[in-house]
PDB file of N, CA and C in Angstrom:
ATOM      1  N   MET A   1       0.805  -1.212   0.067  1.00  0.00           N
ATOM      2  CA  MET A   1      -0.006   0.115   0.121  1.00  0.00           C
ATOM      3  C   MET A   1       0.827   1.153  -0.038  1.00  0.00           C
ATOM      4  N   LEU A   2       1.876   1.165   0.715  1.00  0.00           N
ATOM      5  CA  LEU A   2       3.020   2.369   0.799  1.00  0.00           C
ATOM      6  C   LEU A   2       3.617   2.528  -0.382  1.00  0.00           C
ATOM      7  N   ASP A   3       3.622   1.654  -1.385  1.00  0.00           N
ATOM      8  CA  ASP A   3       4.229   1.757  -2.640  1.00  0.00           C
ATOM      9  C   ASP A   3       3.613   2.795  -3.497  1.00  0.00           C
ATOM     10  N   ALA A   4       2.407   3.126  -3.203  1.00  0.00           N
ATOM     11  CA  ALA A   4       1.718   4.061  -4.179  1.00  0.00           C
ATOM     12  C   ALA A   4       2.333   5.575  -4.010  1.00  0.00           C
ATOM     13  N   ILE A   5       2.942   5.877  -2.804  1.00  0.00           N
ATOM     14  CA  ILE A   5       3.420   7.216  -2.677  1.00  0.00           C
ATOM     15  C   ILE A   5       4.681   7.415  -3.464  1.00  0.00           C
ATOM     16  N   PHE A   6       5.200   6.334  -4.106  1.00  0.00           N
ATOM     17  CA  PHE A   6       6.399   6.476  -5.035  1.00  0.00           C
ATOM     18  C   PHE A   6       5.999   6.609  -6.511  1.00  0.00           C
ATOM     19  N   TYR A   7       4.682   6.571  -6.831  1.00  0.00           N
ATOM     20  CA  TYR A   7       4.368   6.783  -8.094  1.00  0.00           C
ATOM     21  C   TYR A   7       4.707   8.277  -8.624  1.00  0.00           C
ATOM     22  N   SER A   8       5.000   8.136  -9.844  1.00  0.00           N
ATOM     23  CA  SER A   8       5.466   9.532 -10.555  1.00  0.00           C
ATOM     24  C   SER A   8       4.276  10.255 -10.994  1.00  0.00           C
ATOM     25  N   TRP A   9       4.267  11.699 -10.715  1.00  0.00           N
ATOM     26  CA  TRP A   9       3.401  12.595 -11.297  1.00  0.00           C
ATOM     27  C   TRP A   9       3.895  13.917 -11.580  1.00  0.00           C
ATOM     28  N   LEU A  10       3.907  14.208 -12.767  1.00  0.00           N
ATOM     29  CA  LEU A  10       4.859  15.403 -13.392  1.00  0.00           C
ATOM     30  C   LEU A  10       6.359  15.295 -12.989  1.00  0.00           C
ATOM     31  N   GLY A  11       6.895  14.102 -13.152  1.00  0.00           N
ATOM     32  CA  GLY A  11       8.224  13.858 -12.942  1.00  0.00           C
ATOM     33  C   GLY A  11       8.575  13.696 -11.445  1.00  0.00           C
ATOM     34  N   GLN A  12       7.697  13.893 -10.624  1.00  0.00           N
ATOM     35  CA  GLN A  12       8.089  13.750  -9.206  1.00  0.00           C
ATOM     36  C   GLN A  12       7.292  12.817  -8.482  1.00  0.00           C
ATOM     37  N   PRO A  13       7.783  11.941  -7.447  1.00  0.00           N
ATOM     38  CA  PRO A  13       7.119  11.027  -6.510  1.00  0.00           C
ATOM     39  C   PRO A  13       5.925  11.882  -5.852  1.00  0.00           C
ATOM     40  N   ILE A  14       4.826  11.096  -5.685  1.00  0.00           N
ATOM     41  CA  ILE A  14       3.674  11.688  -4.975  1.00  0.00           C
ATOM     42  C   ILE A  14       4.092  12.215  -3.606  1.00  0.00           C
ATOM     43  N   PHE A  15       4.941  11.579  -2.991  1.00  0.00           N
ATOM     44  CA  PHE A  15       5.292  12.127  -1.676  1.00  0.00           C
ATOM     45  C   PHE A  15       5.951  13.506  -1.575  1.00  0.00           C
ATOM     46  N   VAL A  16       6.691  13.845  -2.773  1.00  0.00           N
ATOM     47  CA  VAL A  16       7.217  15.125  -3.047  1.00  0.00           C
ATOM     48  C   VAL A  16       5.957  16.114  -3.068  1.00  0.00           C
ATOM     49  N   TRP A  17       5.184  15.784  -3.816  1.00  0.00           N
ATOM     50  CA  TRP A  17       3.810  16.736  -4.096  1.00  0.00           C
ATOM     51  C   TRP A  17       3.212  16.918  -2.685  1.00  0.00           C
ATOM     52  N   PHE A  18       2.968  15.925  -1.998  1.00  0.00           N
ATOM     53  CA  PHE A  18       2.204  15.988  -0.592  1.00  0.00           C
ATOM     54  C   PHE A  18       3.023  16.888   0.194  1.00  0.00           C
ATOM     55  N   GLY A  19       4.471  16.920   0.265  1.00  0.00           N
ATOM     56  CA  GLY A  19       5.329  17.643   1.008  1.00  0.00           C
ATOM     57  C   GLY A  19       5.118  19.107   0.653  1.00  0.00           C
ATOM     58  N   VAL A  20       4.979  19.343  -0.610  1.00  0.00           N
ATOM     59  CA  VAL A  20       4.907  20.748  -1.159  1.00  0.00           C
ATOM     60  C   VAL A  20       3.540  21.320  -0.524  1.00  0.00           C
ATOM     61  N   ILE A  21       2.561  20.462  -0.654  1.00  0.00           N
ATOM     62  CA  ILE A  21       1.128  20.931  -0.156  1.00  0.00           C
ATOM     63  C   ILE A  21       1.277  21.109   1.331  1.00  0.00           C
ATOM     64  N   VAL A  22       1.832  20.185   2.009  1.00  0.00           N
ATOM     65  CA  VAL A  22       1.948  20.593   3.460  1.00  0.00           C
ATOM     66  C   VAL A  22       2.599  21.788   3.708  1.00  0.00           C
ATOM     67  N   PHE A  23       3.843  22.142   3.047  1.00  0.00           N
ATOM     68  CA  PHE A  23       4.634  23.305   3.295  1.00  0.00           C
ATOM     69  C   PHE A  23       3.769  24.561   2.926  1.00  0.00           C
ATOM     70  N   THR A  24       2.981  24.485   1.772  1.00  0.00           N
ATOM     71  CA  THR A  24       2.062  25.527   1.504  1.00  0.00           C
ATOM     72  C   THR A  24       0.951  25.873   2.607  1.00  0.00           C
ATOM     73  N   PHE A  25       0.491  24.795   3.085  1.00  0.00           N
ATOM     74  CA  PHE A  25      -0.480  25.128   4.239  1.00  0.00           C
ATOM     75  C   PHE A  25       0.207  25.625   5.311  1.00  0.00           C
ATOM     76  N   ILE A  26       1.425  25.403   5.886  1.00  0.00           N
ATOM     77  CA  ILE A  26       1.961  25.856   7.076  1.00  0.00           C
ATOM     78  C   ILE A  26       2.454  27.442   6.593  1.00  0.00           C
ATOM     79  N   PHE A  27       2.976  27.544   5.375  1.00  0.00           N
ATOM     80  CA  PHE A  27       3.385  28.850   5.135  1.00  0.00           C
ATOM     81  C   PHE A  27       2.107  29.782   4.947  1.00  0.00           C
ATOM     82  N   THR A  28       1.122  29.343   4.601  1.00  0.00           N
ATOM     83  CA  THR A  28      -0.166  30.065   4.558  1.00  0.00           C
ATOM     84  C   THR A  28      -0.669  30.341   5.855  1.00  0.00           C
ATOM     85  N   ALA A  29      -0.561  29.523   6.666  1.00  0.00           N
ATOM     86  CA  ALA A  29      -1.111  29.567   8.309  1.00  0.00           C
ATOM     87  C   ALA A  29      -0.355  30.833   8.729  1.00  0.00           C
ATOM     88  N   GLY A  30       1.030  30.642   8.648  1.00  0.00           N
ATOM     89  CA  GLY A  30       1.885  31.637   9.021  1.00  0.00           C
ATOM     90  C   GLY A  30       1.633  33.115   8.610  1.00  0.00           C
ATOM     91  N   VAL A  31       1.402  33.207   7.234  1.00  0.00           N
ATOM     92  CA  VAL A  31       1.006  34.587   6.563  1.00  0.00           C
ATOM     93  C   VAL A  31      -0.345  35.094   7.209  1.00  0.00           C
ATOM     94  N   TYR A  32      -1.113  34.220   7.360  1.00  0.00           N
ATOM     95  CA  TYR A  32      -2.348  34.538   8.007  1.00  0.00           C
ATOM     96  C   TYR A  32      -2.313  35.119   9.634  1.00  0.00           C
ATOM     97  N   GLY A  33      -1.306  34.331  10.294  1.00  0.00           N
ATOM     98  CA  GLY A  33      -1.145  34.916  11.553  1.00  0.00           C
ATOM     99  C   GLY A  33      -0.422  36.267  11.513  1.00  0.00           C
ATOM    100  N   PHE A  34       0.459  36.454  10.504  1.00  0.00           N
ATOM    101  CA  PHE A  34       0.988  37.910  10.572  1.00  0.00           C
ATOM    102  C   PHE A  34      -0.147  38.854  10.212  1.00  0.00           C
ATOM    103  N   LEU A  35      -1.070  38.421   9.301  1.00  0.00           N
ATOM    104  CA  LEU A  35      -2.263  39.378   8.892  1.00  0.00           C
ATOM    105  C   LEU A  35      -3.149  39.601  10.081  1.00  0.00           C
ATOM    106  N   VAL A  36      -3.292  38.591  10.969  1.00  0.00           N
ATOM    107  CA  VAL A  36      -4.056  38.812  12.158  1.00  0.00           C
ATOM    108  C   VAL A  36      -3.522  39.722  12.984  1.00  0.00           C
ATOM    109  N   SER A  37      -2.134  39.766  13.175  1.00  0.00           N
ATOM    110  CA  SER A  37      -1.467  40.759  14.089  1.00  0.00           C
ATOM    111  C   SER A  37      -1.458  42.042  13.513  1.00  0.00           C
ATOM    112  N   LYS A  38      -1.781  42.215  12.246  1.00  0.00           N
ATOM    113  CA  LYS A  38      -1.856  43.453  11.813  1.00  0.00           C
ATOM    114  C   LYS A  38      -3.486  43.879  11.717  1.00  0.00           C
ATOM    115  N   GLY A  39      -4.285  43.168  11.985  1.00  0.00           N
ATOM    116  CA  GLY A  39      -5.622  43.398  12.049  1.00  0.00           C
ATOM    117  C   GLY A  39      -6.463  43.192  10.733  1.00  0.00           C
ATOM    118  N   LYS A  40      -5.844  42.507   9.803  1.00  0.00           N
ATOM    119  CA  LYS A  40      -6.438  42.378   8.464  1.00  0.00           C
ATOM    120  C   LYS A  40      -7.100  41.166   8.091  1.00  0.00           C
ATOM    121  N   ALA A  41      -6.981  40.200   9.030  1.00  0.00           N
ATOM    122  CA  ALA A  41      -7.653  38.863   8.922  1.00  0.00           C
ATOM    123  C   ALA A  41      -8.406  38.342  10.263  1.00  0.00           C
ATOM    124  N   LYS A  42      -9.178  37.287  10.097  1.00  0.00           N
ATOM    125  CA  LYS A  42      -9.852  36.848  11.370  1.00  0.00           C
ATOM    126  C   LYS A  42      -9.024  35.880  11.845  1.00  0.00           C
ATOM    127  N   MET A  43      -9.108  35.759  13.255  1.00  0.00           N
ATOM    128  CA  MET A  43      -8.422  34.784  13.960  1.00  0.00           C
ATOM    129  C   MET A  43      -8.912  33.419  13.872  1.00  0.00           C
ATOM    130  N   SER A  44     -10.208  33.193  13.630  1.00  0.00           N
ATOM    131  CA  SER A  44     -10.689  31.731  13.422  1.00  0.00           C
ATOM    132  C   SER A  44     -10.322  31.114  12.377  1.00  0.00           C
ATOM    133  N   PHE A  45     -10.133  31.969  11.156  1.00  0.00           N
ATOM    134  CA  PHE A  45      -9.702  31.326  10.009  1.00  0.00           C
ATOM    135  C   PHE A  45      -8.200  30.770  10.305  1.00  0.00           C
ATOM    136  N   HIS A  46      -7.173  31.713  10.735  1.00  0.00           N
ATOM    137  CA  HIS A  46      -6.005  31.344  11.026  1.00  0.00           C
ATOM    138  C   HIS A  46      -5.817  30.043  11.859  1.00  0.00           C
ATOM    139  N   VAL A  47      -6.722  29.985  12.942  1.00  0.00           N
ATOM    140  CA  VAL A  47      -6.510  28.785  13.769  1.00  0.00           C
ATOM    141  C   VAL A  47      -6.955  27.540  13.218  1.00  0.00           C
ATOM    142  N   ASN A  48      -8.081  27.558  12.339  1.00  0.00           N
ATOM    143  CA  ASN A  48      -8.487  26.376  11.553  1.00  0.00           C
ATOM    144  C   ASN A  48      -7.528  26.018  10.650  1.00  0.00           C
ATOM    145  N   LEU A  49      -6.914  27.047   9.798  1.00  0.00           N
ATOM    146  CA  LEU A  49      -5.834  26.609   8.836  1.00  0.00           C
ATOM    147  C   LEU A  49      -4.665  26.098   9.643  1.00  0.00           C
ATOM    148  N   ALA A  50      -4.171  26.580  10.758  1.00  0.00           N
ATOM    149  CA  ALA A  50      -3.117  26.050  11.326  1.00  0.00           C
ATOM    150  C   ALA A  50      -3.268  24.529  11.841  1.00  0.00           C
ATOM    151  N   ARG A  51      -4.733  24.362  12.440  1.00  0.00           N
ATOM    152  CA  ARG A  51      -5.026  23.010  12.835  1.00  0.00           C
ATOM    153  C   ARG A  51      -4.886  22.046  11.662  1.00  0.00           C
ATOM    154  N   LEU A  52      -5.449  22.510  10.525  1.00  0.00           N
ATOM    155  CA  LEU A  52      -5.456  21.677   9.399  1.00  0.00           C
ATOM    156  C   LEU A  52      -4.032  21.334   8.799  1.00  0.00           C
ATOM    157  N   ALA A  53      -3.041  22.359   8.947  1.00  0.00           N
ATOM    158  CA  ALA A  53      -1.652  22.179   8.534  1.00  0.00           C
ATOM    159  C   ALA A  53      -0.908  21.192   9.424  1.00  0.00           C
ATOM    160  N   LEU A  54      -1.483  21.522  10.773  1.00  0.00           N
ATOM    161  CA  LEU A  54      -0.819  20.320  11.765  1.00  0.00           C
ATOM    162  C   LEU A  54      -1.094  18.889  11.394  1.00  0.00           C
ATOM    163  N   VAL A  55      -2.382  18.617  11.195  1.00  0.00           N
ATOM    164  CA  VAL A  55      -2.860  17.420  10.851  1.00  0.00           C
ATOM    165  C   VAL A  55      -2.153  16.890   9.650  1.00  0.00           C
ATOM    166  N   LEU A  56      -2.221  17.747   8.592  1.00  0.00           N
ATOM    167  CA  LEU A  56      -1.319  17.154   7.485  1.00  0.00           C
ATOM    168  C   LEU A  56       0.093  16.867   7.605  1.00  0.00           C
ATOM    169  N   ALA A  57       0.802  17.673   8.219  1.00  0.00           N
ATOM    170  CA  ALA A  57       2.122  17.600   8.623  1.00  0.00           C
ATOM    171  C   ALA A  57       2.359  16.330   9.346  1.00  0.00           C
ATOM    172  N   LEU A  58       1.533  16.057  10.433  1.00  0.00           N
ATOM    173  CA  LEU A  58       1.663  14.752  11.215  1.00  0.00           C
ATOM    174  C   LEU A  58       1.263  13.595  10.284  1.00  0.00           C
ATOM    175  N   LEU A  59       0.389  13.723   9.454  1.00  0.00           N
ATOM    176  CA  LEU A  59       0.082  12.517   8.606  1.00  0.00           C
ATOM    177  C   LEU A  59       1.164  12.319   7.558  1.00  0.00           C
ATOM    178  N   TYR A  60       1.732  13.398   7.081  1.00  0.00           N
ATOM    179  CA  TYR A  60       2.903  13.172   6.270  1.00  0.00           C
ATOM    180  C   TYR A  60       4.155  12.622   7.007  1.00  0.00           C
ATOM    181  N   GLY A  61       4.388  13.066   8.223  1.00  0.00           N
ATOM    182  CA  GLY A  61       5.544  12.564   8.797  1.00  0.00           C
ATOM    183  C   GLY A  61       5.286  11.112   9.271  1.00  0.00           C
ATOM    184  N   LEU A  62       4.068  10.685   9.694  1.00  0.00           N
ATOM    185  CA  LEU A  62       3.795   9.208   9.888  1.00  0.00           C
ATOM    186  C   LEU A  62       3.998   8.516   8.705  1.00  0.00           C
ATOM    187  N   VAL A  63       3.496   8.820   7.387  1.00  0.00           N
ATOM    188  CA  VAL A  63       3.670   8.000   6.357  1.00  0.00           C
ATOM    189  C   VAL A  63       5.160   7.959   5.786  1.00  0.00           C
ATOM    190  N   MET A  64       5.848   8.964   6.171  1.00  0.00           N
ATOM    191  CA  MET A  64       7.302   8.836   5.912  1.00  0.00           C
ATOM    192  C   MET A  64       8.111   7.910   6.915  1.00  0.00           C
ATOM    193  N   VAL A  65       7.735   8.056   8.092  1.00  0.00           N
ATOM    194  CA  VAL A  65       8.243   7.075   9.022  1.00  0.00           C
ATOM    195  C   VAL A  65       7.873   5.557   8.560  1.00  0.00           C
ATOM    196  N   LEU A  66       6.720   5.262   8.319  1.00  0.00           N
ATOM    197  CA  LEU A  66       6.426   4.039   7.877  1.00  0.00           C
ATOM    198  C   LEU A  66       6.902   3.682   6.676  1.00  0.00           C
ATOM    199  N   VAL A  67       7.305   4.549   5.719  1.00  0.00           N
ATOM    200  CA  VAL A  67       8.126   4.021   4.475  1.00  0.00           C
ATOM    201  C   VAL A  67       9.473   3.777   4.918  1.00  0.00           C
ATOM    202  N   VAL A  68      10.204   4.483   5.927  1.00  0.00           N
ATOM    203  CA  VAL A  68      11.651   4.179   6.269  1.00  0.00           C
ATOM    204  C   VAL A  68      11.566   2.958   7.095  1.00  0.00           C
ATOM    205  N   LEU A  69      10.590   2.599   7.872  1.00  0.00           N
ATOM    206  CA  LEU A  69      10.555   1.356   8.717  1.00  0.00           C
ATOM    207  C   LEU A  69      10.064   0.100   7.798  1.00  0.00           C
ATOM    208  N   LYS A  70       9.498   0.305   6.554  1.00  0.00           N
ATOM    209  CA  LYS A  70       9.190  -0.748   5.656  1.00  0.00           C
ATOM    210  C   LYS A  70      10.338  -1.602   5.293  1.00  0.00           C
TER     211      LYS A  70
END
């Protein structure tokens, strides 16, 4: 089942693209945190985005550990 993450899409393995997506979510949550501090964004959206980014990062890390242990 974990072999599916090694399939290539646009020249890169799937796990690379998932890492890019996770990084994008973390970066976006940071930008919204900055905007909240400037008063230009809502705190609730930032918190929900940060929670989603955390869940995705933990899932990504778990899958990568499982690949290494396989």
